[in-house]
Amino acid sequence: MAKRVSYPLEVKMKAIKMRLECIPAREVMEQLGIRNVTQLKTWVRWYQSGELHRLEQPVGKQYSYGKGPVYVSELEKVKAENRFLRQQIDVLKKYKELERRCHLRPPSTGWSPLEEK
């Protein structure tokens, strides 16, 4: 039977960030020592659906539906939420930059029906 591997939250978040930056899954797995591509896809899916509490769960200790981890203090909870929101902003900034670059490309030099004869 295979041994279950537990990855720290920092590794999971780094892997998610790398995948959102379009780094190939194999490269992410090699750099961070992740064994299973399905695990990586699951983390990204949880991140995109806003289920960050699932990333903090230990292996085999899944919380009941709708319940997240118990935070020691309100400050800890706010810090976790703040970290999530900052990452969302970073992703949106990257998207906007890529979108801007695509729109700044010069038009092709081929024939256009809008050109005058």
N, C-alpha and C. Protein backbone atom coordinates (compact mmCIF):
# COMPACT_ATOMS: atom_id res chain seq x y z
N MET A 1 0.84 -1.18 0.00
CA MET A 1 0.00 0.00 0.00
C MET A 1 0.88 1.24 0.00
N ALA A 2 0.50 2.21 -0.79
CA ALA A 2 1.30 3.43 -0.92
C ALA A 2 1.18 4.30 0.34
N LYS A 3 2.27 4.96 0.65
CA LYS A 3 2.29 5.86 1.80
C LYS A 3 1.70 7.20 1.38
N ARG A 4 0.87 7.76 2.24
CA ARG A 4 0.29 9.07 1.95
C ARG A 4 1.32 10.15 2.25
N VAL A 5 1.37 11.14 1.36
CA VAL A 5 2.32 12.22 1.52
C VAL A 5 1.56 13.49 1.87
N SER A 6 2.02 14.18 2.88
CA SER A 6 1.41 15.44 3.28
C SER A 6 2.34 16.58 2.86
N TYR A 7 1.79 17.54 2.14
CA TYR A 7 2.57 18.68 1.68
C TYR A 7 2.21 19.91 2.50
N PRO A 8 3.20 20.72 2.87
CA PRO A 8 2.90 21.94 3.62
C PRO A 8 2.09 22.92 2.77
N LEU A 9 1.35 23.79 3.44
CA LEU A 9 0.51 24.77 2.75
C LEU A 9 1.35 25.62 1.80
N GLU A 10 2.57 25.97 2.19
CA GLU A 10 3.43 26.82 1.35
C GLU A 10 3.73 26.14 0.01
N VAL A 11 3.97 24.83 0.04
CA VAL A 11 4.24 24.08 -1.19
C VAL A 11 3.00 24.06 -2.08
N LYS A 12 1.85 23.84 -1.46
CA LYS A 12 0.60 23.81 -2.22
C LYS A 12 0.34 25.16 -2.90
N MET A 13 0.51 26.24 -2.15
CA MET A 13 0.26 27.57 -2.70
C MET A 13 1.26 27.91 -3.81
N LYS A 14 2.52 27.52 -3.63
CA LYS A 14 3.54 27.76 -4.66
C LYS A 14 3.19 26.98 -5.93
N ALA A 15 2.74 25.74 -5.76
CA ALA A 15 2.36 24.91 -6.91
C ALA A 15 1.17 25.52 -7.65
N ILE A 16 0.19 26.00 -6.90
CA ILE A 16 -0.98 26.63 -7.51
C ILE A 16 -0.56 27.88 -8.29
N LYS A 17 0.27 28.70 -7.67
CA LYS A 17 0.73 29.92 -8.33
C LYS A 17 1.48 29.59 -9.63
N MET A 18 2.34 28.58 -9.58
CA MET A 18 3.10 28.20 -10.77
C MET A 18 2.17 27.72 -11.89
N ARG A 19 1.15 26.92 -11.53
CA ARG A 19 0.22 26.42 -12.54
C ARG A 19 -0.60 27.57 -13.14
N LEU A 20 -0.98 28.55 -12.30
CA LEU A 20 -1.74 29.70 -12.81
C LEU A 20 -0.89 30.57 -13.71
N GLU A 21 0.44 30.46 -13.58
CA GLU A 21 1.36 31.18 -14.46
C GLU A 21 1.70 30.35 -15.70
N CYS A 22 0.93 29.29 -15.91
CA CYS A 22 1.05 28.42 -17.09
C CYS A 22 2.35 27.63 -17.15
N ILE A 23 2.95 27.36 -16.01
CA ILE A 23 4.13 26.49 -15.97
C ILE A 23 3.62 25.05 -16.07
N PRO A 24 4.20 24.22 -16.94
CA PRO A 24 3.71 22.85 -17.12
C PRO A 24 3.68 22.07 -15.81
N ALA A 25 2.68 21.21 -15.68
CA ALA A 25 2.48 20.43 -14.46
C ALA A 25 3.72 19.58 -14.13
N ARG A 26 4.32 18.97 -15.13
CA ARG A 26 5.50 18.13 -14.89
C ARG A 26 6.64 18.94 -14.27
N GLU A 27 6.83 20.15 -14.77
CA GLU A 27 7.90 21.01 -14.25
C GLU A 27 7.61 21.41 -12.80
N VAL A 28 6.35 21.74 -12.52
CA VAL A 28 5.96 22.09 -11.14
C VAL A 28 6.22 20.91 -10.22
N MET A 29 5.82 19.72 -10.67
CA MET A 29 5.99 18.52 -9.86
C MET A 29 7.46 18.25 -9.58
N GLU A 30 8.30 18.41 -10.58
CA GLU A 30 9.74 18.16 -10.41
C GLU A 30 10.37 19.17 -9.46
N GLN A 31 10.03 20.44 -9.62
CA GLN A 31 10.63 21.48 -8.79
C GLN A 31 10.22 21.38 -7.34
N LEU A 32 8.96 20.98 -7.09
CA LEU A 32 8.44 20.98 -5.72
C LEU A 32 8.36 19.58 -5.10
N GLY A 33 8.71 18.56 -5.86
CA GLY A 33 8.71 17.21 -5.32
C GLY A 33 7.31 16.64 -5.10
N ILE A 34 6.38 16.99 -5.97
CA ILE A 34 5.01 16.49 -5.87
C ILE A 34 4.92 15.21 -6.68
N ARG A 35 4.33 14.18 -6.11
CA ARG A 35 4.34 12.86 -6.74
C ARG A 35 3.23 12.64 -7.76
N ASN A 36 2.08 13.31 -7.58
CA ASN A 36 0.91 12.95 -8.36
C ASN A 36 0.30 14.18 -9.04
N VAL A 37 0.11 14.10 -10.35
CA VAL A 37 -0.45 15.22 -11.11
C VAL A 37 -1.91 15.47 -10.72
N THR A 38 -2.62 14.42 -10.35
CA THR A 38 -4.02 14.57 -9.93
C THR A 38 -4.11 15.41 -8.67
N GLN A 39 -3.15 15.24 -7.76
CA GLN A 39 -3.14 16.04 -6.54
C GLN A 39 -2.99 17.52 -6.87
N LEU A 40 -2.11 17.81 -7.79
CA LEU A 40 -1.88 19.18 -8.23
C LEU A 40 -3.15 19.78 -8.84
N LYS A 41 -3.84 19.02 -9.68
CA LYS A 41 -5.08 19.49 -10.29
C LYS A 41 -6.15 19.75 -9.22
N THR A 42 -6.19 18.90 -8.22
CA THR A 42 -7.17 19.05 -7.13
C THR A 42 -6.92 20.35 -6.37
N TRP A 43 -5.66 20.64 -6.05
CA TRP A 43 -5.34 21.88 -5.33
C TRP A 43 -5.77 23.10 -6.13
N VAL A 44 -5.49 23.10 -7.43
CA VAL A 44 -5.86 24.23 -8.29
C VAL A 44 -7.39 24.37 -8.32
N ARG A 45 -8.10 23.25 -8.43
CA ARG A 45 -9.56 23.29 -8.45
C ARG A 45 -10.11 23.86 -7.13
N TRP A 46 -9.56 23.42 -6.00
CA TRP A 46 -9.98 23.95 -4.70
C TRP A 46 -9.71 25.46 -4.62
N TYR A 47 -8.55 25.88 -5.09
CA TYR A 47 -8.18 27.29 -5.06
C TYR A 47 -9.16 28.12 -5.90
N GLN A 48 -9.43 27.65 -7.09
CA GLN A 48 -10.30 28.40 -8.00
C GLN A 48 -11.74 28.44 -7.53
N SER A 49 -12.15 27.45 -6.76
CA SER A 49 -13.53 27.46 -6.25
C SER A 49 -13.62 28.11 -4.87
N GLY A 50 -12.49 28.64 -4.38
CA GLY A 50 -12.51 29.37 -3.10
C GLY A 50 -12.50 28.48 -1.88
N GLU A 51 -12.14 27.22 -2.02
CA GLU A 51 -12.13 26.28 -0.90
C GLU A 51 -10.73 26.20 -0.28
N LEU A 52 -10.21 27.33 0.14
CA LEU A 52 -8.85 27.38 0.69
C LEU A 52 -8.70 26.56 1.95
N HIS A 53 -9.77 26.45 2.73
CA HIS A 53 -9.67 25.67 3.96
C HIS A 53 -9.28 24.22 3.68
N ARG A 54 -9.62 23.73 2.49
CA ARG A 54 -9.27 22.35 2.15
C ARG A 54 -7.77 22.16 1.96
N LEU A 55 -7.07 23.24 1.57
CA LEU A 55 -5.62 23.14 1.39
C LEU A 55 -4.90 22.98 2.73
N GLU A 56 -5.54 23.43 3.80
CA GLU A 56 -4.92 23.37 5.12
C GLU A 56 -5.23 22.08 5.87
N GLN A 57 -6.08 21.23 5.31
CA GLN A 57 -6.47 20.00 5.98
C GLN A 57 -5.36 18.96 5.92
N PRO A 58 -5.12 18.26 7.02
CA PRO A 58 -4.15 17.17 6.97
C PRO A 58 -4.70 16.00 6.14
N VAL A 59 -3.83 15.14 5.66
CA VAL A 59 -4.23 14.00 4.85
C VAL A 59 -5.19 13.12 5.66
N GLY A 60 -6.31 12.77 5.05
CA GLY A 60 -7.27 11.88 5.70
C GLY A 60 -8.14 12.55 6.75
N LYS A 61 -8.00 13.83 6.95
CA LYS A 61 -8.79 14.54 7.97
C LYS A 61 -9.66 15.59 7.30
N GLN A 62 -10.57 15.16 6.45
CA GLN A 62 -11.42 16.09 5.73
C GLN A 62 -12.50 16.64 6.66
N TYR A 63 -12.72 17.94 6.58
CA TYR A 63 -13.73 18.58 7.41
C TYR A 63 -15.11 18.34 6.83
N SER A 64 -16.10 18.49 7.67
CA SER A 64 -17.48 18.38 7.22
C SER A 64 -17.77 19.48 6.22
N TYR A 65 -18.77 19.26 5.38
CA TYR A 65 -19.12 20.24 4.36
C TYR A 65 -19.44 21.58 5.00
N GLY A 66 -18.86 22.64 4.44
CA GLY A 66 -19.15 23.99 4.90
C GLY A 66 -18.36 24.44 6.11
N LYS A 67 -17.49 23.59 6.62
CA LYS A 67 -16.71 23.96 7.80
C LYS A 67 -15.24 23.98 7.43
N GLY A 68 -14.55 24.98 7.88
CA GLY A 68 -13.12 25.09 7.63
C GLY A 68 -12.33 24.78 8.88
N PRO A 69 -11.05 25.08 8.87
CA PRO A 69 -10.22 24.81 10.03
C PRO A 69 -10.58 25.75 11.19
N VAL A 70 -10.26 25.29 12.37
CA VAL A 70 -10.48 26.12 13.55
C VAL A 70 -9.28 27.02 13.71
N TYR A 71 -9.50 28.34 13.65
CA TYR A 71 -8.41 29.29 13.78
C TYR A 71 -8.20 29.62 15.24
N VAL A 72 -6.95 29.81 15.61
CA VAL A 72 -6.61 30.15 16.98
C VAL A 72 -7.18 31.52 17.34
N SER A 73 -7.14 32.45 16.40
CA SER A 73 -7.64 33.79 16.67
C SER A 73 -8.30 34.36 15.42
N GLU A 74 -9.02 35.43 15.63
CA GLU A 74 -9.64 36.14 14.51
C GLU A 74 -8.56 36.70 13.59
N LEU A 75 -7.45 37.14 14.18
CA LEU A 75 -6.35 37.68 13.40
C LEU A 75 -5.80 36.64 12.42
N GLU A 76 -5.65 35.42 12.87
CA GLU A 76 -5.15 34.34 12.02
C GLU A 76 -6.11 34.10 10.85
N LYS A 77 -7.40 34.13 11.14
CA LYS A 77 -8.41 33.92 10.10
C LYS A 77 -8.35 35.05 9.07
N VAL A 78 -8.23 36.29 9.53
CA VAL A 78 -8.17 37.44 8.63
C VAL A 78 -6.89 37.39 7.79
N LYS A 79 -5.79 36.96 8.39
CA LYS A 79 -4.53 36.85 7.64
C LYS A 79 -4.66 35.81 6.51
N ALA A 80 -5.31 34.69 6.80
CA ALA A 80 -5.50 33.66 5.78
C ALA A 80 -6.38 34.18 4.64
N GLU A 81 -7.43 34.89 4.99
CA GLU A 81 -8.31 35.46 3.97
C GLU A 81 -7.58 36.52 3.16
N ASN A 82 -6.78 37.33 3.84
CA ASN A 82 -6.00 38.38 3.17
C ASN A 82 -5.01 37.76 2.18
N ARG A 83 -4.36 36.68 2.58
CA ARG A 83 -3.41 35.99 1.70
C ARG A 83 -4.13 35.50 0.44
N PHE A 84 -5.31 34.93 0.62
CA PHE A 84 -6.10 34.44 -0.51
C PHE A 84 -6.48 35.58 -1.46
N LEU A 85 -6.95 36.69 -0.89
CA LEU A 85 -7.37 37.82 -1.72
C LEU A 85 -6.20 38.45 -2.47
N ARG A 86 -5.04 38.54 -1.83
CA ARG A 86 -3.85 39.07 -2.51
C ARG A 86 -3.47 38.19 -3.71
N GLN A 87 -3.58 36.89 -3.53
CA GLN A 87 -3.24 35.98 -4.62
C GLN A 87 -4.23 36.13 -5.77
N GLN A 88 -5.49 36.34 -5.46
CA GLN A 88 -6.47 36.56 -6.51
C GLN A 88 -6.15 37.84 -7.28
N ILE A 89 -5.77 38.88 -6.57
CA ILE A 89 -5.41 40.15 -7.21
C ILE A 89 -4.20 39.95 -8.12
N ASP A 90 -3.19 39.21 -7.64
CA ASP A 90 -2.00 38.95 -8.45
C ASP A 90 -2.37 38.23 -9.75
N VAL A 91 -3.27 37.27 -9.66
CA VAL A 91 -3.69 36.53 -10.86
C VAL A 91 -4.41 37.47 -11.82
N LEU A 92 -5.28 38.33 -11.30
CA LEU A 92 -6.00 39.27 -12.16
C LEU A 92 -5.05 40.27 -12.83
N LYS A 93 -4.04 40.73 -12.09
CA LYS A 93 -3.05 41.64 -12.67
C LYS A 93 -2.31 40.96 -13.81
N LYS A 94 -1.94 39.71 -13.60
CA LYS A 94 -1.21 38.98 -14.64
C LYS A 94 -2.11 38.80 -15.88
N TYR A 95 -3.37 38.50 -15.65
CA TYR A 95 -4.31 38.34 -16.76
C TYR A 95 -4.45 39.65 -17.54
N LYS A 96 -4.62 40.75 -16.83
CA LYS A 96 -4.76 42.06 -17.48
C LYS A 96 -3.52 42.39 -18.31
N GLU A 97 -2.34 42.09 -17.78
CA GLU A 97 -1.10 42.35 -18.50
C GLU A 97 -1.04 41.52 -19.78
N LEU A 98 -1.40 40.24 -19.69
CA LEU A 98 -1.39 39.38 -20.87
C LEU A 98 -2.44 39.86 -21.89
N GLU A 99 -3.59 40.27 -21.40
CA GLU A 99 -4.63 40.78 -22.28
C GLU A 99 -4.15 42.05 -22.99
N ARG A 100 -3.50 42.94 -22.26
CA ARG A 100 -2.99 44.17 -22.83
C ARG A 100 -1.95 43.87 -23.91
N ARG A 101 -1.07 42.92 -23.65
CA ARG A 101 -0.04 42.57 -24.64
C ARG A 101 -0.67 42.02 -25.92
N CYS A 102 -1.72 41.24 -25.78
CA CYS A 102 -2.37 40.66 -26.96
C CYS A 102 -3.00 41.75 -27.83
N HIS A 103 -3.56 42.78 -27.21
CA HIS A 103 -4.21 43.85 -27.95
C HIS A 103 -3.23 44.84 -28.55
N LEU A 104 -1.99 44.83 -28.10
CA LEU A 104 -0.99 45.76 -28.62
C LEU A 104 -0.21 45.19 -29.80
N ARG A 105 -0.46 43.95 -30.15
CA ARG A 105 0.26 43.35 -31.27
C ARG A 105 -0.10 44.08 -32.55
N PRO A 106 0.89 44.30 -33.43
CA PRO A 106 0.59 44.97 -34.69
C PRO A 106 -0.29 44.09 -35.58
N PRO A 107 -1.18 44.69 -36.36
CA PRO A 107 -2.05 43.90 -37.23
C PRO A 107 -1.22 43.20 -38.31
N SER A 108 -1.78 42.13 -38.83
CA SER A 108 -1.07 41.40 -39.88
C SER A 108 -1.01 42.25 -41.15
N THR A 109 -0.06 41.95 -42.00
CA THR A 109 0.13 42.74 -43.24
C THR A 109 -0.66 42.16 -44.40
N GLY A 110 -1.52 41.21 -44.14
CA GLY A 110 -2.32 40.61 -45.21
C GLY A 110 -3.42 41.52 -45.69
N TRP A 111 -4.13 41.09 -46.71
CA TRP A 111 -5.20 41.87 -47.30
C TRP A 111 -6.36 42.00 -46.33
N SER A 112 -7.01 43.14 -46.33
CA SER A 112 -8.17 43.37 -45.47
C SER A 112 -9.29 43.94 -46.32
N PRO A 113 -10.51 43.46 -46.16
CA PRO A 113 -11.62 43.98 -46.95
C PRO A 113 -11.95 45.43 -46.59
N LEU A 114 -11.43 45.92 -45.52
CA LEU A 114 -11.71 47.30 -45.09
C LEU A 114 -10.76 48.31 -45.74
N GLU A 115 -9.68 47.83 -46.34
CA GLU A 115 -8.72 48.74 -46.96
C GLU A 115 -9.30 49.28 -48.27
N GLU A 116 -8.97 50.52 -48.57
CA GLU A 116 -9.41 51.13 -49.83
C GLU A 116 -8.56 50.62 -50.98
N LYS A 117 -9.15 50.58 -52.16
CA LYS A 117 -8.40 50.11 -53.35
C LYS A 117 -7.72 51.24 -54.03
